[in-house]
């Protein structure tokens, strides 16, 4: 098996955060990026702003390879219509599928899906990953949707073929998810 591919799904800059919350989450996002790089993984994000962008920047500073999955049809649309950055990826894939279509590509391209904060889009990504039996790591201390995943699972009353792991520590969460993937691959 090659390097594990970790998809990071989380709050974009459109998700309203207080200044204090934004500062705290910036630190968590950077720690998550470093942890993914230290685990020698490949990173996938939705090529968006906010927490996934912060994770990608920290990850790339550590020499990691990041793939951005854009909702846009091309670079121009990515920058102008969606107003998304291009500095969070080494390679950008332009899907032309909009946000929801891009979310499916994000999840299917990832061996592990990590949830950090988030709102409606992150919830959509979680439900896709859950339905498709992915290994999912939830950074509970990041708030937003991540703080409610246990409730979502309880309300759905449906088992997953994958695993959902919870932790407040970014490094511990990454290591646990990579170990779960290795165990599932045997």
Protein backbone atom coordinates (compact mmCIF):
# COMPACT_ATOMS: atom_id res chain seq x y z
CA UNK A 1 0.00 0.00 0.00
CA UNK A 2 1.20 3.51 -0.83
CA UNK A 3 1.02 6.50 1.43
CA UNK A 4 -2.33 6.94 3.15
CA UNK A 5 -4.48 9.70 1.65
CA UNK A 6 -6.13 11.87 4.28
CA UNK A 7 -8.96 14.18 3.33
CA UNK A 8 -9.54 17.13 5.63
CA UNK A 9 -13.08 18.49 5.70
CA UNK A 10 -13.98 21.50 7.80
CA UNK A 11 -15.14 25.05 8.28
CA UNK A 12 -14.47 27.44 5.42
CA UNK A 13 -14.02 31.18 5.91
CA UNK A 14 -17.77 31.51 5.20
CA UNK A 15 -18.57 29.79 8.51
CA UNK A 16 -18.92 32.65 11.00
CA UNK A 17 -16.42 32.39 13.84
CA UNK A 18 -15.63 34.81 16.65
CA UNK A 19 -12.09 36.19 16.71
CA UNK A 20 -11.25 34.03 19.74
CA UNK A 21 -12.62 30.89 18.10
CA UNK A 22 -10.75 31.64 14.87
CA UNK A 23 -7.46 31.99 16.76
CA UNK A 24 -7.97 28.74 18.70
CA UNK A 25 -8.97 26.85 15.55
CA UNK A 26 -6.00 28.24 13.63
CA UNK A 27 -3.70 26.55 16.14
CA UNK A 28 -5.65 23.26 15.93
CA UNK A 29 -5.59 23.38 12.11
CA UNK A 30 -1.84 23.96 12.05
CA UNK A 31 -1.28 21.10 14.50
CA UNK A 32 -3.42 18.86 12.31
CA UNK A 33 -1.42 19.80 9.19
CA UNK A 34 1.86 19.03 10.97
CA UNK A 35 0.51 15.73 12.28
CA UNK A 36 -0.60 14.61 8.80
CA UNK A 37 2.82 15.52 7.36
CA UNK A 38 4.63 13.73 10.20
CA UNK A 39 2.55 10.61 9.51
CA UNK A 40 3.87 10.68 5.92
CA UNK A 41 0.43 10.97 4.32
CA UNK A 42 -0.93 12.70 1.23
CA UNK A 43 -3.46 15.44 1.88
CA UNK A 44 -6.72 16.07 0.01
CA UNK A 45 -8.86 19.16 0.59
CA UNK A 46 -11.74 20.86 -1.17
CA UNK A 47 -9.31 23.60 -2.25
CA UNK A 48 -11.23 26.01 -0.07
CA UNK A 49 -10.64 28.74 2.49
CA UNK A 50 -10.74 28.50 6.27
CA UNK A 51 -9.63 25.49 8.28
CA UNK A 52 -8.83 23.16 5.34
CA UNK A 53 -6.64 25.91 3.88
CA UNK A 54 -4.82 26.40 7.20
CA UNK A 55 -4.26 22.64 7.49
CA UNK A 56 -2.92 22.53 3.93
CA UNK A 57 -0.56 25.45 4.48
CA UNK A 58 0.93 23.90 7.63
CA UNK A 59 1.11 20.50 5.92
CA UNK A 60 2.92 21.90 2.87
CA UNK A 61 5.38 23.84 5.07
CA UNK A 62 6.42 20.43 6.40
CA UNK A 63 7.06 19.20 2.83
CA UNK A 64 3.82 17.28 2.37
CA UNK A 65 2.08 16.77 -0.99
CA UNK A 66 -1.44 18.23 -1.16
CA UNK A 67 -4.17 17.65 -3.73
CA UNK A 68 -6.93 20.24 -4.08
CA UNK A 69 -10.33 19.20 -5.42
CA UNK A 70 -12.05 22.30 -6.76
CA UNK A 71 -15.78 22.72 -7.34
CA UNK A 72 -14.88 24.87 -10.35
CA UNK A 73 -14.58 23.91 -14.00
CA UNK A 74 -11.22 25.65 -14.46
CA UNK A 75 -8.66 27.92 -12.77
CA UNK A 76 -10.45 31.13 -13.73
CA UNK A 77 -13.76 29.95 -12.29
CA UNK A 78 -11.97 28.68 -9.17
CA UNK A 79 -10.51 32.12 -8.53
CA UNK A 80 -13.31 34.43 -9.73
CA UNK A 81 -16.67 32.68 -9.34
CA UNK A 82 -15.83 30.72 -6.20
CA UNK A 83 -13.15 33.05 -4.81
CA UNK A 84 -11.03 30.12 -3.66
CA UNK A 85 -7.26 30.06 -3.06
CA UNK A 86 -4.81 28.03 -5.07
CA UNK A 87 -1.91 28.10 -2.61
CA UNK A 88 -3.14 25.12 -0.56
CA UNK A 89 -2.41 22.47 -3.19
CA UNK A 90 0.49 21.12 -5.18
CA UNK A 91 -1.96 19.82 -7.79
CA UNK A 92 -5.48 21.10 -8.42
CA UNK A 93 -8.27 19.00 -9.92
CA UNK A 94 -11.07 21.07 -11.44
CA UNK A 95 -14.27 19.05 -11.29
CA UNK A 96 -16.87 21.51 -12.55
CA UNK A 97 -19.31 19.69 -10.22
CA UNK A 98 -20.00 22.50 -7.75
CA UNK A 99 -19.64 22.07 -4.01
CA UNK A 100 -21.77 18.95 -3.51
CA UNK A 101 -20.24 17.09 -6.46
CA UNK A 102 -16.77 18.08 -5.30
CA UNK A 103 -17.56 16.66 -1.86
CA UNK A 104 -18.14 13.18 -3.34
CA UNK A 105 -14.78 13.35 -5.16
CA UNK A 106 -13.05 14.49 -1.93
CA UNK A 107 -14.39 11.56 0.03
CA UNK A 108 -13.82 8.92 -2.63
CA UNK A 109 -10.24 10.13 -3.10
CA UNK A 110 -9.47 9.73 0.60
CA UNK A 111 -8.57 6.64 2.61
CA UNK A 112 -9.22 8.56 5.83
CA UNK A 113 -11.54 11.54 6.32
CA UNK A 114 -10.82 14.01 9.11
CA UNK A 115 -13.51 16.41 10.33
CA UNK A 116 -12.45 19.74 11.85
CA UNK A 117 -15.17 22.18 12.89
CA UNK A 118 -17.51 22.77 10.01
CA UNK A 119 -21.04 23.58 9.03
CA UNK A 120 -23.45 22.25 6.41
CA UNK A 121 -20.82 21.36 3.80
CA UNK A 122 -18.78 19.45 6.37
CA UNK A 123 -21.89 17.61 7.50
CA UNK A 124 -22.49 16.62 3.87
CA UNK A 125 -18.91 15.32 3.61
CA UNK A 126 -19.27 13.39 6.86
CA UNK A 127 -22.49 11.67 5.74
CA UNK A 128 -20.92 10.65 2.43
CA UNK A 129 -17.86 9.24 4.24
CA UNK A 130 -20.05 7.46 6.79
CA UNK A 131 -22.27 5.91 4.11
CA UNK A 132 -19.24 4.82 2.10
CA UNK A 133 -17.57 3.10 5.06
CA UNK A 134 -14.51 5.32 5.36
CA UNK A 135 -12.28 5.63 8.38
CA UNK A 136 -13.33 8.95 9.86
CA UNK A 137 -11.49 10.96 12.47
CA UNK A 138 -13.39 13.67 14.31
CA UNK A 139 -11.47 16.45 16.05
CA UNK A 140 -14.08 17.01 18.75
CA UNK A 141 -12.40 20.05 20.30
CA UNK A 142 -12.82 21.95 17.01
CA UNK A 143 -16.50 22.74 17.58
CA UNK A 144 -19.03 23.18 14.78
CA UNK A 145 -20.34 20.01 13.17
CA UNK A 146 -17.45 18.03 14.67
CA UNK A 147 -18.90 18.59 18.14
CA UNK A 148 -22.20 16.98 17.06
CA UNK A 149 -21.08 13.92 15.07
CA UNK A 150 -21.91 11.52 17.91
CA UNK A 151 -25.48 12.88 17.87
CA UNK A 152 -25.72 12.57 14.09
CA UNK A 153 -24.64 8.93 14.29
CA UNK A 154 -27.11 8.28 17.08
CA UNK A 155 -30.01 9.88 15.18
CA UNK A 156 -29.17 8.10 11.93
CA UNK A 157 -29.53 4.71 13.60
CA UNK A 158 -27.39 3.15 10.88
CA UNK A 159 -24.11 1.29 11.23
CA UNK A 160 -21.11 2.02 9.02
CA UNK A 161 -18.71 -0.45 7.45
CA UNK A 162 -15.89 1.92 8.40
CA UNK A 163 -14.84 3.37 11.73
CA UNK A 164 -15.44 6.70 13.42
CA UNK A 165 -12.72 7.76 15.86
CA UNK A 166 -12.92 10.75 18.17
CA UNK A 167 -10.12 12.70 19.79
CA UNK A 168 -9.34 16.21 21.00
CA UNK A 169 -5.66 15.98 20.08
CA UNK A 170 -4.79 16.38 16.37
CA UNK A 171 -1.63 14.23 16.47
CA UNK A 172 -3.30 11.43 18.41
CA UNK A 173 -6.28 11.47 16.05
CA UNK A 174 -4.09 11.16 12.95
CA UNK A 175 -2.06 8.29 14.43
CA UNK A 176 -5.20 6.42 15.50
CA UNK A 177 -6.76 6.80 12.04
CA UNK A 178 -3.61 5.67 10.23
CA UNK A 179 -3.41 2.63 12.55
CA UNK A 180 -7.08 1.83 11.84
CA UNK A 181 -6.41 2.02 8.10
CA UNK A 182 -3.39 -0.28 8.41
CA UNK A 183 -5.45 -2.73 10.45
CA UNK A 184 -8.33 -2.65 7.93
CA UNK A 185 -5.91 -3.22 5.04
CA UNK A 186 -4.61 -6.52 6.44
